[in-house]
Amino acid sequence: MAVNDKRLRVTELDFDDIKDNLKIFLKAQNQFTDYDFEGSGMSVLLDTLAYNTHYMAYNANMVANEMFLDSASLRSSVVSHAKKLGYEVSSCRAPKATVNISLATNYHQEQCQQAQHLQQQ
């Protein structure tokens, strides 16, 4: 099967595969037939293009995942999808407690009286 190198293959989403596809595509162009892609400034540009493509593909994949309730991982996305289905989502709330504390002050007064009595002796 013949491969048309004049067209850029966009099915690969791995960084190294993207960079290789860009090299193959540029080598097939008439302007870059005898250009060295490994040891030149073009390698840095290819790295930048491949990184940008990989990063954009990752972001597009994450956005696509958040568009559906089955694959959403962010709480805000799940809540948004649940609201569309008529489900009311309530947030977590901290527990509440009512505590009555009563202190007996007689003990403290007795201690002070005993201390004063000992000082007087």
PDB file of N, CA and C in Angstrom:
ATOM      1  N   MET A   1       0.841  -1.181   0.000  1.00  0.00           N
ATOM      2  CA  MET A   1       0.000   0.000   0.000  1.00  0.00           C
ATOM      3  C   MET A   1       0.880   1.236   0.000  1.00  0.00           C
ATOM      4  N   ALA A   2       0.683   2.101  -0.934  1.00  0.00           N
ATOM      5  CA  ALA A   2       1.493   3.306  -1.060  1.00  0.00           C
ATOM      6  C   ALA A   2       1.020   4.361  -0.059  1.00  0.00           C
ATOM      7  N   VAL A   3       1.994   5.029   0.549  1.00  0.00           N
ATOM      8  CA  VAL A   3       1.687   6.080   1.515  1.00  0.00           C
ATOM      9  C   VAL A   3       1.949   7.417   0.852  1.00  0.00           C
ATOM     10  N   ASN A   4       1.000   8.300   0.931  1.00  0.00           N
ATOM     11  CA  ASN A   4       1.158   9.626   0.362  1.00  0.00           C
ATOM     12  C   ASN A   4       1.810  10.518   1.411  1.00  0.00           C
ATOM     13  N   ASP A   5       3.119  10.800   1.262  1.00  0.00           N
ATOM     14  CA  ASP A   5       3.854  11.612   2.227  1.00  0.00           C
ATOM     15  C   ASP A   5       3.572  13.098   2.077  1.00  0.00           C
ATOM     16  N   LYS A   6       2.855  13.483   1.042  1.00  0.00           N
ATOM     17  CA  LYS A   6       2.533  14.895   0.850  1.00  0.00           C
ATOM     18  C   LYS A   6       1.417  15.344   1.802  1.00  0.00           C
ATOM     19  N   ARG A   7       0.717  14.371   2.372  1.00  0.00           N
ATOM     20  CA  ARG A   7      -0.367  14.697   3.300  1.00  0.00           C
ATOM     21  C   ARG A   7       0.090  14.393   4.721  1.00  0.00           C
ATOM     22  N   LEU A   8      -0.250  15.238   5.616  1.00  0.00           N
ATOM     23  CA  LEU A   8       0.122  15.067   7.018  1.00  0.00           C
ATOM     24  C   LEU A   8      -0.825  14.082   7.688  1.00  0.00           C
ATOM     25  N   ARG A   9      -0.258  13.053   8.336  1.00  0.00           N
ATOM     26  CA  ARG A   9      -1.076  12.075   9.060  1.00  0.00           C
ATOM     27  C   ARG A   9      -1.371  12.630  10.451  1.00  0.00           C
ATOM     28  N   VAL A  10      -2.625  12.701  10.788  1.00  0.00           N
ATOM     29  CA  VAL A  10      -3.010  13.314  12.064  1.00  0.00           C
ATOM     30  C   VAL A  10      -3.651  12.310  13.020  1.00  0.00           C
ATOM     31  N   THR A  11      -3.478  11.035  12.769  1.00  0.00           N
ATOM     32  CA  THR A  11      -4.096  10.033  13.630  1.00  0.00           C
ATOM     33  C   THR A  11      -3.262   9.718  14.860  1.00  0.00           C
ATOM     34  N   GLU A  12      -1.993  10.046  14.852  1.00  0.00           N
ATOM     35  CA  GLU A  12      -1.118   9.756  15.989  1.00  0.00           C
ATOM     36  C   GLU A  12      -1.196  10.891  17.003  1.00  0.00           C
ATOM     37  N   LEU A  13      -1.308  10.530  18.285  1.00  0.00           N
ATOM     38  CA  LEU A  13      -1.396  11.551  19.323  1.00  0.00           C
ATOM     39  C   LEU A  13      -0.250  11.475  20.321  1.00  0.00           C
ATOM     40  N   ASP A  14       0.701  10.578  20.089  1.00  0.00           N
ATOM     41  CA  ASP A  14       1.879  10.474  20.939  1.00  0.00           C
ATOM     42  C   ASP A  14       2.932  11.472  20.458  1.00  0.00           C
ATOM     43  N   PHE A  15       3.691  12.064  21.399  1.00  0.00           N
ATOM     44  CA  PHE A  15       4.658  13.111  21.058  1.00  0.00           C
ATOM     45  C   PHE A  15       5.644  12.649  19.991  1.00  0.00           C
ATOM     46  N   ASP A  16       6.269  11.498  20.196  1.00  0.00           N
ATOM     47  CA  ASP A  16       7.285  11.019  19.237  1.00  0.00           C
ATOM     48  C   ASP A  16       6.674  10.714  17.876  1.00  0.00           C
ATOM     49  N   ASP A  17       5.481  10.137  17.876  1.00  0.00           N
ATOM     50  CA  ASP A  17       4.821   9.840  16.600  1.00  0.00           C
ATOM     51  C   ASP A  17       4.429  11.118  15.865  1.00  0.00           C
ATOM     52  N   ILE A  18       3.996  12.112  16.603  1.00  0.00           N
ATOM     53  CA  ILE A  18       3.651  13.397  15.981  1.00  0.00           C
ATOM     54  C   ILE A  18       4.890  14.018  15.351  1.00  0.00           C
ATOM     55  N   LYS A  19       6.007  13.986  16.097  1.00  0.00           N
ATOM     56  CA  LYS A  19       7.247  14.559  15.568  1.00  0.00           C
ATOM     57  C   LYS A  19       7.712  13.802  14.320  1.00  0.00           C
ATOM     58  N   ASP A  20       7.630  12.487  14.353  1.00  0.00           N
ATOM     59  CA  ASP A  20       8.012  11.689  13.182  1.00  0.00           C
ATOM     60  C   ASP A  20       7.118  12.005  11.981  1.00  0.00           C
ATOM     61  N   ASN A  21       5.820  12.143  12.224  1.00  0.00           N
ATOM     62  CA  ASN A  21       4.893  12.493  11.138  1.00  0.00           C
ATOM     63  C   ASN A  21       5.210  13.857  10.547  1.00  0.00           C
ATOM     64  N   LEU A  22       5.570  14.805  11.402  1.00  0.00           N
ATOM     65  CA  LEU A  22       5.939  16.134  10.902  1.00  0.00           C
ATOM     66  C   LEU A  22       7.215  16.064  10.054  1.00  0.00           C
ATOM     67  N   LYS A  23       8.206  15.266  10.494  1.00  0.00           N
ATOM     68  CA  LYS A  23       9.443  15.113   9.721  1.00  0.00           C
ATOM     69  C   LYS A  23       9.165  14.498   8.358  1.00  0.00           C
ATOM     70  N   ILE A  24       8.362  13.434   8.354  1.00  0.00           N
ATOM     71  CA  ILE A  24       8.033  12.773   7.082  1.00  0.00           C
ATOM     72  C   ILE A  24       7.312  13.738   6.152  1.00  0.00           C
ATOM     73  N   PHE A  25       6.393  14.491   6.716  1.00  0.00           N
ATOM     74  CA  PHE A  25       5.642  15.450   5.909  1.00  0.00           C
ATOM     75  C   PHE A  25       6.565  16.531   5.334  1.00  0.00           C
ATOM     76  N   LEU A  26       7.454  17.085   6.163  1.00  0.00           N
ATOM     77  CA  LEU A  26       8.336  18.161   5.690  1.00  0.00           C
ATOM     78  C   LEU A  26       9.390  17.645   4.711  1.00  0.00           C
ATOM     79  N   LYS A  27       9.869  16.436   4.922  1.00  0.00           N
ATOM     80  CA  LYS A  27      10.856  15.877   3.982  1.00  0.00           C
ATOM     81  C   LYS A  27      10.242  15.666   2.603  1.00  0.00           C
ATOM     82  N   ALA A  28       8.970  15.436   2.549  1.00  0.00           N
ATOM     83  CA  ALA A  28       8.293  15.221   1.266  1.00  0.00           C
ATOM     84  C   ALA A  28       8.041  16.537   0.523  1.00  0.00           C
ATOM     85  N   GLN A  29       8.173  17.659   1.209  1.00  0.00           N
ATOM     86  CA  GLN A  29       7.970  18.960   0.566  1.00  0.00           C
ATOM     87  C   GLN A  29       9.216  19.328  -0.250  1.00  0.00           C
ATOM     88  N   ASN A  30       9.014  20.011  -1.340  1.00  0.00           N
ATOM     89  CA  ASN A  30      10.133  20.384  -2.210  1.00  0.00           C
ATOM     90  C   ASN A  30      11.099  21.347  -1.530  1.00  0.00           C
ATOM     91  N   GLN A  31      10.645  22.170  -0.635  1.00  0.00           N
ATOM     92  CA  GLN A  31      11.503  23.164   0.023  1.00  0.00           C
ATOM     93  C   GLN A  31      12.456  22.527   1.034  1.00  0.00           C
ATOM     94  N   PHE A  32      12.152  21.341   1.554  1.00  0.00           N
ATOM     95  CA  PHE A  32      12.946  20.739   2.624  1.00  0.00           C
ATOM     96  C   PHE A  32      13.521  19.371   2.248  1.00  0.00           C
ATOM     97  N   THR A  33      13.729  19.093   0.972  1.00  0.00           N
ATOM     98  CA  THR A  33      14.175  17.752   0.555  1.00  0.00           C
ATOM     99  C   THR A  33      15.562  17.392   1.079  1.00  0.00           C
ATOM    100  N   ASP A  34      16.492  18.330   1.142  1.00  0.00           N
ATOM    101  CA  ASP A  34      17.849  18.014   1.592  1.00  0.00           C
ATOM    102  C   ASP A  34      18.158  18.640   2.958  1.00  0.00           C
ATOM    103  N   TYR A  35      17.159  18.902   3.736  1.00  0.00           N
ATOM    104  CA  TYR A  35      17.338  19.567   5.029  1.00  0.00           C
ATOM    105  C   TYR A  35      17.584  18.529   6.122  1.00  0.00           C
ATOM    106  N   ASP A  36      18.490  18.844   7.064  1.00  0.00           N
ATOM    107  CA  ASP A  36      18.772  17.963   8.195  1.00  0.00           C
ATOM    108  C   ASP A  36      17.842  18.329   9.349  1.00  0.00           C
ATOM    109  N   PHE A  37      16.943  17.414   9.687  1.00  0.00           N
ATOM    110  CA  PHE A  37      15.955  17.698  10.727  1.00  0.00           C
ATOM    111  C   PHE A  37      16.430  17.307  12.126  1.00  0.00           C
ATOM    112  N   GLU A  38      17.527  16.586  12.231  1.00  0.00           N
ATOM    113  CA  GLU A  38      17.984  16.104  13.536  1.00  0.00           C
ATOM    114  C   GLU A  38      18.874  17.110  14.261  1.00  0.00           C
ATOM    115  N   GLY A  39      19.849  17.659  13.613  1.00  0.00           N
ATOM    116  CA  GLY A  39      20.820  18.513  14.292  1.00  0.00           C
ATOM    117  C   GLY A  39      20.710  19.968  13.890  1.00  0.00           C
ATOM    118  N   SER A  40      19.531  20.503  13.897  1.00  0.00           N
ATOM    119  CA  SER A  40      19.382  21.882  13.446  1.00  0.00           C
ATOM    120  C   SER A  40      18.339  22.590  14.293  1.00  0.00           C
ATOM    121  N   GLY A  41      18.184  23.849  14.008  1.00  0.00           N
ATOM    122  CA  GLY A  41      17.149  24.630  14.672  1.00  0.00           C
ATOM    123  C   GLY A  41      15.757  24.133  14.327  1.00  0.00           C
ATOM    124  N   MET A  42      15.657  23.455  13.193  1.00  0.00           N
ATOM    125  CA  MET A  42      14.363  22.896  12.784  1.00  0.00           C
ATOM    126  C   MET A  42      13.898  21.832  13.778  1.00  0.00           C
ATOM    127  N   SER A  43      14.848  21.137  14.413  1.00  0.00           N
ATOM    128  CA  SER A  43      14.493  20.121  15.404  1.00  0.00           C
ATOM    129  C   SER A  43      13.778  20.752  16.598  1.00  0.00           C
ATOM    130  N   VAL A  44      14.237  21.919  17.004  1.00  0.00           N
ATOM    131  CA  VAL A  44      13.586  22.625  18.109  1.00  0.00           C
ATOM    132  C   VAL A  44      12.179  23.046  17.705  1.00  0.00           C
ATOM    133  N   LEU A  45      12.030  23.514  16.484  1.00  0.00           N
ATOM    134  CA  LEU A  45      10.704  23.896  16.007  1.00  0.00           C
ATOM    135  C   LEU A  45       9.776  22.684  15.915  1.00  0.00           C
ATOM    136  N   LEU A  46      10.316  21.558  15.462  1.00  0.00           N
ATOM    137  CA  LEU A  46       9.514  20.334  15.394  1.00  0.00           C
ATOM    138  C   LEU A  46       9.114  19.862  16.794  1.00  0.00           C
ATOM    139  N   ASP A  47      10.039  19.976  17.751  1.00  0.00           N
ATOM    140  CA  ASP A  47       9.704  19.635  19.139  1.00  0.00           C
ATOM    141  C   ASP A  47       8.574  20.517  19.657  1.00  0.00           C
ATOM    142  N   THR A  48       8.651  21.798  19.353  1.00  0.00           N
ATOM    143  CA  THR A  48       7.621  22.736  19.808  1.00  0.00           C
ATOM    144  C   THR A  48       6.275  22.426  19.158  1.00  0.00           C
ATOM    145  N   LEU A  49       6.291  22.163  17.863  1.00  0.00           N
ATOM    146  CA  LEU A  49       5.042  21.821  17.173  1.00  0.00           C
ATOM    147  C   LEU A  49       4.465  20.505  17.693  1.00  0.00           C
ATOM    148  N   ALA A  50       5.322  19.517  17.911  1.00  0.00           N
ATOM    149  CA  ALA A  50       4.852  18.225  18.393  1.00  0.00           C
ATOM    150  C   ALA A  50       4.311  18.349  19.817  1.00  0.00           C
ATOM    151  N   TYR A  51       4.997  19.113  20.659  1.00  0.00           N
ATOM    152  CA  TYR A  51       4.521  19.314  22.030  1.00  0.00           C
ATOM    153  C   TYR A  51       3.176  20.026  22.022  1.00  0.00           C
ATOM    154  N   ASN A  52       3.061  21.075  21.217  1.00  0.00           N
ATOM    155  CA  ASN A  52       1.816  21.825  21.143  1.00  0.00           C
ATOM    156  C   ASN A  52       0.676  20.932  20.637  1.00  0.00           C
ATOM    157  N   THR A  53       0.933  20.131  19.631  1.00  0.00           N
ATOM    158  CA  THR A  53      -0.085  19.230  19.092  1.00  0.00           C
ATOM    159  C   THR A  53      -0.498  18.198  20.130  1.00  0.00           C
ATOM    160  N   HIS A  54       0.488  17.629  20.830  1.00  0.00           N
ATOM    161  CA  HIS A  54       0.205  16.644  21.866  1.00  0.00           C
ATOM    162  C   HIS A  54      -0.624  17.278  22.990  1.00  0.00           C
ATOM    163  N   TYR A  55      -0.250  18.472  23.409  1.00  0.00           N
ATOM    164  CA  TYR A  55      -0.952  19.191  24.476  1.00  0.00           C
ATOM    165  C   TYR A  55      -2.392  19.512  24.066  1.00  0.00           C
ATOM    166  N   MET A  56      -2.573  19.970  22.845  1.00  0.00           N
ATOM    167  CA  MET A  56      -3.914  20.303  22.356  1.00  0.00           C
ATOM    168  C   MET A  56      -4.776  19.042  22.231  1.00  0.00           C
ATOM    169  N   ALA A  57      -4.186  17.934  21.805  1.00  0.00           N
ATOM    170  CA  ALA A  57      -4.933  16.675  21.706  1.00  0.00           C
ATOM    171  C   ALA A  57      -5.359  16.195  23.087  1.00  0.00           C
ATOM    172  N   TYR A  58      -4.489  16.342  24.067  1.00  0.00           N
ATOM    173  CA  TYR A  58      -4.830  15.957  25.441  1.00  0.00           C
ATOM    174  C   TYR A  58      -5.986  16.811  25.957  1.00  0.00           C
ATOM    175  N   ASN A  59      -5.902  18.120  25.755  1.00  0.00           N
ATOM    176  CA  ASN A  59      -6.976  19.013  26.204  1.00  0.00           C
ATOM    177  C   ASN A  59      -8.287  18.705  25.494  1.00  0.00           C
ATOM    178  N   ALA A  60      -8.234  18.445  24.202  1.00  0.00           N
ATOM    179  CA  ALA A  60      -9.454  18.107  23.466  1.00  0.00           C
ATOM    180  C   ALA A  60     -10.055  16.807  23.991  1.00  0.00           C
ATOM    181  N   ASN A  61      -9.211  15.839  24.341  1.00  0.00           N
ATOM    182  CA  ASN A  61      -9.690  14.585  24.901  1.00  0.00           C
ATOM    183  C   ASN A  61     -10.359  14.816  26.257  1.00  0.00           C
ATOM    184  N   MET A  62      -9.758  15.651  27.093  1.00  0.00           N
ATOM    185  CA  MET A  62     -10.345  15.924  28.405  1.00  0.00           C
ATOM    186  C   MET A  62     -11.676  16.658  28.274  1.00  0.00           C
ATOM    187  N   VAL A  63     -11.747  17.603  27.352  1.00  0.00           N
ATOM    188  CA  VAL A  63     -13.006  18.326  27.129  1.00  0.00           C
ATOM    189  C   VAL A  63     -14.077  17.364  26.628  1.00  0.00           C
ATOM    190  N   ALA A  64     -13.707  16.482  25.725  1.00  0.00           N
ATOM    191  CA  ALA A  64     -14.667  15.505  25.200  1.00  0.00           C
ATOM    192  C   ALA A  64     -15.154  14.575  26.313  1.00  0.00           C
ATOM    193  N   ASN A  65     -14.280  14.190  27.221  1.00  0.00           N
ATOM    194  CA  ASN A  65     -14.688  13.342  28.340  1.00  0.00           C
ATOM    195  C   ASN A  65     -15.671  14.057  29.260  1.00  0.00           C
ATOM    196  N   GLU A  66     -15.468  15.339  29.482  1.00  0.00           N
ATOM    197  CA  GLU A  66     -16.334  16.096  30.394  1.00  0.00           C
ATOM    198  C   GLU A  66     -17.697  16.402  29.779  1.00  0.00           C
ATOM    199  N   MET A  67     -17.860  16.185  28.473  1.00  0.00           N
ATOM    200  CA  MET A  67     -19.127  16.494  27.818  1.00  0.00           C
ATOM    201  C   MET A  67     -20.190  15.433  28.072  1.00  0.00           C
ATOM    202  N   PHE A  68     -19.801  14.290  28.607  1.00  0.00           N
ATOM    203  CA  PHE A  68     -20.741  13.202  28.816  1.00  0.00           C
ATOM    204  C   PHE A  68     -20.748  12.787  30.281  1.00  0.00           C
ATOM    205  N   LEU A  69     -21.919  12.468  30.788  1.00  0.00           N
ATOM    206  CA  LEU A  69     -22.062  12.111  32.194  1.00  0.00           C
ATOM    207  C   LEU A  69     -21.285  10.835  32.530  1.00  0.00           C
ATOM    208  N   ASP A  70     -21.264   9.884  31.619  1.00  0.00           N
ATOM    209  CA  ASP A  70     -20.580   8.610  31.879  1.00  0.00           C
ATOM    210  C   ASP A  70     -19.076   8.762  32.055  1.00  0.00           C
ATOM    211  N   SER A  71     -18.466   9.712  31.370  1.00  0.00           N
ATOM    212  CA  SER A  71     -17.011   9.828  31.415  1.00  0.00           C
ATOM    213  C   SER A  71     -16.520  11.081  32.135  1.00  0.00           C
ATOM    214  N   ALA A  72     -17.427  11.908  32.645  1.00  0.00           N
ATOM    215  CA  ALA A  72     -17.015  13.139  33.331  1.00  0.00           C
ATOM    216  C   ALA A  72     -16.313  12.789  34.634  1.00  0.00           C
ATOM    217  N   SER A  73     -15.258  13.530  34.945  1.00  0.00           N
ATOM    218  CA  SER A  73     -14.528  13.298  36.190  1.00  0.00           C
ATOM    219  C   SER A  73     -14.557  14.515  37.108  1.00  0.00           C
ATOM    220  N   LEU A  74     -14.846  15.679  36.582  1.00  0.00           N
ATOM    221  CA  LEU A  74     -14.942  16.873  37.412  1.00  0.00           C
ATOM    222  C   LEU A  74     -16.332  16.960  38.031  1.00  0.00           C
ATOM    223  N   ARG A  75     -16.402  17.314  39.303  1.00  0.00           N
ATOM    224  CA  ARG A  75     -17.681  17.408  39.992  1.00  0.00           C
ATOM    225  C   ARG A  75     -18.588  18.420  39.319  1.00  0.00           C
ATOM    226  N   SER A  76     -18.027  19.539  38.901  1.00  0.00           N
ATOM    227  CA  SER A  76     -18.849  20.578  38.271  1.00  0.00           C
ATOM    228  C   SER A  76     -19.503  20.068  36.987  1.00  0.00           C
ATOM    229  N   SER A  77     -18.809  19.227  36.238  1.00  0.00           N
ATOM    230  CA  SER A  77     -19.388  18.664  35.013  1.00  0.00           C
ATOM    231  C   SER A  77     -20.510  17.686  35.338  1.00  0.00           C
ATOM    232  N   VAL A  78     -20.294  16.856  36.341  1.00  0.00           N
ATOM    233  CA  VAL A  78     -21.312  15.883  36.732  1.00  0.00           C
ATOM    234  C   VAL A  78     -22.556  16.606  37.246  1.00  0.00           C
ATOM    235  N   VAL A  79     -22.365  17.645  38.054  1.00  0.00           N
ATOM    236  CA  VAL A  79     -23.494  18.425  38.580  1.00  0.00           C
ATOM    237  C   VAL A  79     -24.256  19.079  37.438  1.00  0.00           C
ATOM    238  N   SER A  80     -23.550  19.615  36.467  1.00  0.00           N
ATOM    239  CA  SER A  80     -24.198  20.263  35.326  1.00  0.00           C
ATOM    240  C   SER A  80     -25.042  19.264  34.536  1.00  0.00           C
ATOM    241  N   HIS A  81     -24.500  18.063  34.294  1.00  0.00           N
ATOM    242  CA  HIS A  81     -25.255  17.041  33.572  1.00  0.00           C
ATOM    243  C   HIS A  81     -26.448  16.559  34.395  1.00  0.00           C
ATOM    244  N   ALA A  82     -26.273  16.445  35.707  1.00  0.00           N
ATOM    245  CA  ALA A  82     -27.361  15.985  36.572  1.00  0.00           C
ATOM    246  C   ALA A  82     -28.498  17.000  36.597  1.00  0.00           C
ATOM    247  N   LYS A  83     -28.174  18.279  36.580  1.00  0.00           N
ATOM    248  CA  LYS A  83     -29.215  19.314  36.563  1.00  0.00           C
ATOM    249  C   LYS A  83     -30.045  19.232  35.285  1.00  0.00           C
ATOM    250  N   LYS A  84     -29.403  18.902  34.173  1.00  0.00           N
ATOM    251  CA  LYS A  84     -30.134  18.769  32.908  1.00  0.00           C
ATOM    252  C   LYS A  84     -31.137  17.628  32.969  1.00  0.00           C
ATOM    253  N   LEU A  85     -30.859  16.632  33.821  1.00  0.00           N
ATOM    254  CA  LEU A  85     -31.755  15.489  33.957  1.00  0.00           C
ATOM    255  C   LEU A  85     -32.805  15.705  35.050  1.00  0.00           C
ATOM    256  N   GLY A  86     -32.801  16.897  35.659  1.00  0.00           N
ATOM    257  CA  GLY A  86     -33.784  17.220  36.679  1.00  0.00           C
ATOM    258  C   GLY A  86     -33.406  16.789  38.082  1.00  0.00           C
ATOM    259  N   TYR A  87     -32.174  16.415  38.283  1.00  0.00           N
ATOM    260  CA  TYR A  87     -31.721  15.979  39.611  1.00  0.00           C
ATOM    261  C   TYR A  87     -31.152  17.172  40.356  1.00  0.00           C
ATOM    262  N   GLU A  88     -31.599  17.361  41.589  1.00  0.00           N
ATOM    263  CA  GLU A  88     -31.062  18.453  42.408  1.00  0.00           C
ATOM    264  C   GLU A  88     -29.888  17.928  43.209  1.00  0.00           C
ATOM    265  N   VAL A  89     -28.773  18.548  43.027  1.00  0.00           N
ATOM    266  CA  VAL A  89     -27.553  18.112  43.689  1.00  0.00           C
ATOM    267  C   VAL A  89     -27.337  18.976  44.924  1.00  0.00           C
ATOM    268  N   SER A  90     -27.093  18.332  46.042  1.00  0.00           N
ATOM    269  CA  SER A  90     -26.784  19.085  47.256  1.00  0.00           C
ATOM    270  C   SER A  90     -25.320  18.856  47.612  1.00  0.00           C
ATOM    271  N   SER A  91     -24.727  19.875  48.120  1.00  0.00           N
ATOM    272  CA  SER A  91     -23.317  19.787  48.480  1.00  0.00           C
ATOM    273  C   SER A  91     -23.162  19.180  49.866  1.00  0.00           C
ATOM    274  N   CYS A  92     -21.978  18.735  50.150  1.00  0.00           N
ATOM    275  CA  CYS A  92     -21.680  18.214  51.480  1.00  0.00           C
ATOM    276  C   CYS A  92     -21.764  19.350  52.485  1.00  0.00           C
ATOM    277  N   ARG A  93     -22.240  19.014  53.661  1.00  0.00           N
ATOM    278  CA  ARG A  93     -22.338  20.019  54.717  1.00  0.00           C
ATOM    279  C   ARG A  93     -21.615  19.497  55.941  1.00  0.00           C
ATOM    280  N   ALA A  94     -21.069  20.406  56.685  1.00  0.00           N
ATOM    281  CA  ALA A  94     -20.384  20.031  57.912  1.00  0.00           C
ATOM    282  C   ALA A  94     -21.418  19.650  58.969  1.00  0.00           C
ATOM    283  N   PRO A  95     -21.092  18.723  59.847  1.00  0.00           N
ATOM    284  CA  PRO A  95     -22.046  18.342  60.891  1.00  0.00           C
ATOM    285  C   PRO A  95     -22.233  19.472  61.894  1.00  0.00           C
ATOM    286  N   LYS A  96     -23.430  19.485  62.506  1.00  0.00           N
ATOM    287  CA  LYS A  96     -23.741  20.483  63.523  1.00  0.00           C
ATOM    288  C   LYS A  96     -23.969  19.764  64.837  1.00  0.00           C
ATOM    289  N   ALA A  97     -23.638  20.429  65.916  1.00  0.00           N
ATOM    290  CA  ALA A  97     -23.889  19.873  67.243  1.00  0.00           C
ATOM    291  C   ALA A  97     -24.190  21.015  68.190  1.00  0.00           C
ATOM    292  N   THR A  98     -25.156  20.786  69.063  1.00  0.00           N
ATOM    293  CA  THR A  98     -25.453  21.746  70.118  1.00  0.00           C
ATOM    294  C   THR A  98     -24.981  21.129  71.414  1.00  0.00           C
ATOM    295  N   VAL A  99     -24.097  21.820  72.092  1.00  0.00           N
ATOM    296  CA  VAL A  99     -23.487  21.291  73.300  1.00  0.00           C
ATOM    297  C   VAL A  99     -23.753  22.265  74.437  1.00  0.00           C
ATOM    298  N   ASN A 100     -24.292  21.746  75.512  1.00  0.00           N
ATOM    299  CA  ASN A 100     -24.489  22.540  76.726  1.00  0.00           C
ATOM    300  C   ASN A 100     -23.403  22.161  77.715  1.00  0.00           C
ATOM    301  N   ILE A 101     -22.677  23.136  78.188  1.00  0.00           N
ATOM    302  CA  ILE A 101     -21.596  22.891  79.137  1.00  0.00           C
ATOM    303  C   ILE A 101     -21.916  23.653  80.411  1.00  0.00           C
ATOM    304  N   SER A 102     -21.883  22.952  81.494  1.00  0.00           N
ATOM    305  CA  SER A 102     -22.071  23.626  82.790  1.00  0.00           C
ATOM    306  C   SER A 102     -20.873  23.288  83.658  1.00  0.00           C
ATOM    307  N   LEU A 103     -20.334  24.300  84.296  1.00  0.00           N
ATOM    308  CA  LEU A 103     -19.143  24.149  85.119  1.00  0.00           C
ATOM    309  C   LEU A 103     -19.516  24.353  86.581  1.00  0.00           C
ATOM    310  N   ALA A 104     -19.009  23.492  87.393  1.00  0.00           N
ATOM    311  CA  ALA A 104     -19.224  23.634  88.833  1.00  0.00           C
ATOM    312  C   ALA A 104     -18.107  24.484  89.395  1.00  0.00           C
ATOM    313  N   THR A 105     -18.441  25.625  89.935  1.00  0.00           N
ATOM    314  CA  THR A 105     -17.413  26.548  90.451  1.00  0.00           C
ATOM    315  C   THR A 105     -17.101  26.305  91.919  1.00  0.00           C
ATOM    316  N   ASN A 106     -17.830  25.438  92.592  1.00  0.00           N
ATOM    317  CA  ASN A 106     -17.574  25.176  94.011  1.00  0.00           C
ATOM    318  C   ASN A 106     -16.201  24.570  94.214  1.00  0.00           C
ATOM    319  N   TYR A 107     -15.789  23.688  93.345  1.00  0.00           N
ATOM    320  CA  TYR A 107     -14.499  23.021  93.481  1.00  0.00           C
ATOM    321  C   TYR A 107     -13.376  24.054  93.492  1.00  0.00           C
ATOM    322  N   HIS A 108     -13.437  25.004  92.572  1.00  0.00           N
ATOM    323  CA  HIS A 108     -12.402  26.023  92.476  1.00  0.00           C
ATOM    324  C   HIS A 108     -12.400  26.909  93.722  1.00  0.00           C
ATOM    325  N   GLN A 109     -13.561  27.244  94.216  1.00  0.00           N
ATOM    326  CA  GLN A 109     -13.640  28.095  95.413  1.00  0.00           C
ATOM    327  C   GLN A 109     -13.073  27.370  96.629  1.00  0.00           C
ATOM    328  N   GLU A 110     -13.343  26.070  96.722  1.00  0.00           N
ATOM    329  CA  GLU A 110     -12.806  25.305  97.845  1.00  0.00           C
ATOM    330  C   GLU A 110     -11.288  25.251  97.784  1.00  0.00           C
ATOM    331  N   GLN A 111     -10.727  25.117  96.618  1.00  0.00           N
ATOM    332  CA  GLN A 111      -9.267  25.078  96.462  1.00  0.00           C
ATOM    333  C   GLN A 111      -8.649  26.411  96.893  1.00  0.00           C
ATOM    334  N   CYS A 112      -9.296  27.511  96.518  1.00  0.00           N
ATOM    335  CA  CYS A 112      -8.769  28.834  96.888  1.00  0.00           C
ATOM    336  C   CYS A 112      -8.848  29.028  98.406  1.00  0.00           C
ATOM    337  N   GLN A 113      -9.930  28.591  99.004  1.00  0.00           N
ATOM    338  CA  GLN A 113     -10.078  28.733 100.456  1.00  0.00           C
ATOM    339  C   GLN A 113      -9.040  27.900 101.189  1.00  0.00           C
ATOM    340  N   GLN A 114      -8.758  26.696 100.686  1.00  0.00           N
ATOM    341  CA  GLN A 114      -7.746  25.854 101.324  1.00  0.00           C
ATOM    342  C   GLN A 114      -6.373  26.473 101.181  1.00  0.00           C
ATOM    343  N   ALA A 115      -6.084  27.071 100.043  1.00  0.00           N
ATOM    344  CA  ALA A 115      -4.796  27.707  99.839  1.00  0.00           C
ATOM    345  C   ALA A 115      -4.637  28.900 100.770  1.00  0.00           C
ATOM    346  N   GLN A 116      -5.680  29.695 100.934  1.00  0.00           N
ATOM    347  CA  GLN A 116      -5.600  30.842 101.834  1.00  0.00           C
ATOM    348  C   GLN A 116      -5.435  30.386 103.282  1.00  0.00           C
ATOM    349  N   HIS A 117      -6.102  29.314 103.640  1.00  0.00           N
ATOM    350  CA  HIS A 117      -6.004  28.791 105.011  1.00  0.00           C
ATOM    351  C   HIS A 117      -4.593  28.310 105.286  1.00  0.00           C
ATOM    352  N   LEU A 118      -3.949  27.660 104.297  1.00  0.00           N
ATOM    353  CA  LEU A 118      -2.589  27.188 104.481  1.00  0.00           C
ATOM    354  C   LEU A 118      -1.606  28.342 104.568  1.00  0.00           C
ATOM    355  N   GLN A 119      -1.865  29.406 103.870  1.00  0.00           N
ATOM    356  CA  GLN A 119      -0.958  30.564 103.922  1.00  0.00           C
ATOM    357  C   GLN A 119      -1.058  31.262 105.272  1.00  0.00           C
ATOM    358  N   GLN A 120      -2.202  31.249 105.835  1.00  0.00           N
ATOM    359  CA  GLN A 120      -2.383  31.914 107.137  1.00  0.00           C
ATOM    360  C   GLN A 120      -1.695  31.138 108.252  1.00  0.00           C
ATOM    361  N   GLN A 121      -1.531  29.860 108.121  1.00  0.00           N
ATOM    362  CA  GLN A 121      -0.899  29.061 109.170  1.00  0.00           C
ATOM    363  C   GLN A 121       0.565  29.158 109.109  1.00  0.00           C
TER     364      GLN A 121
END
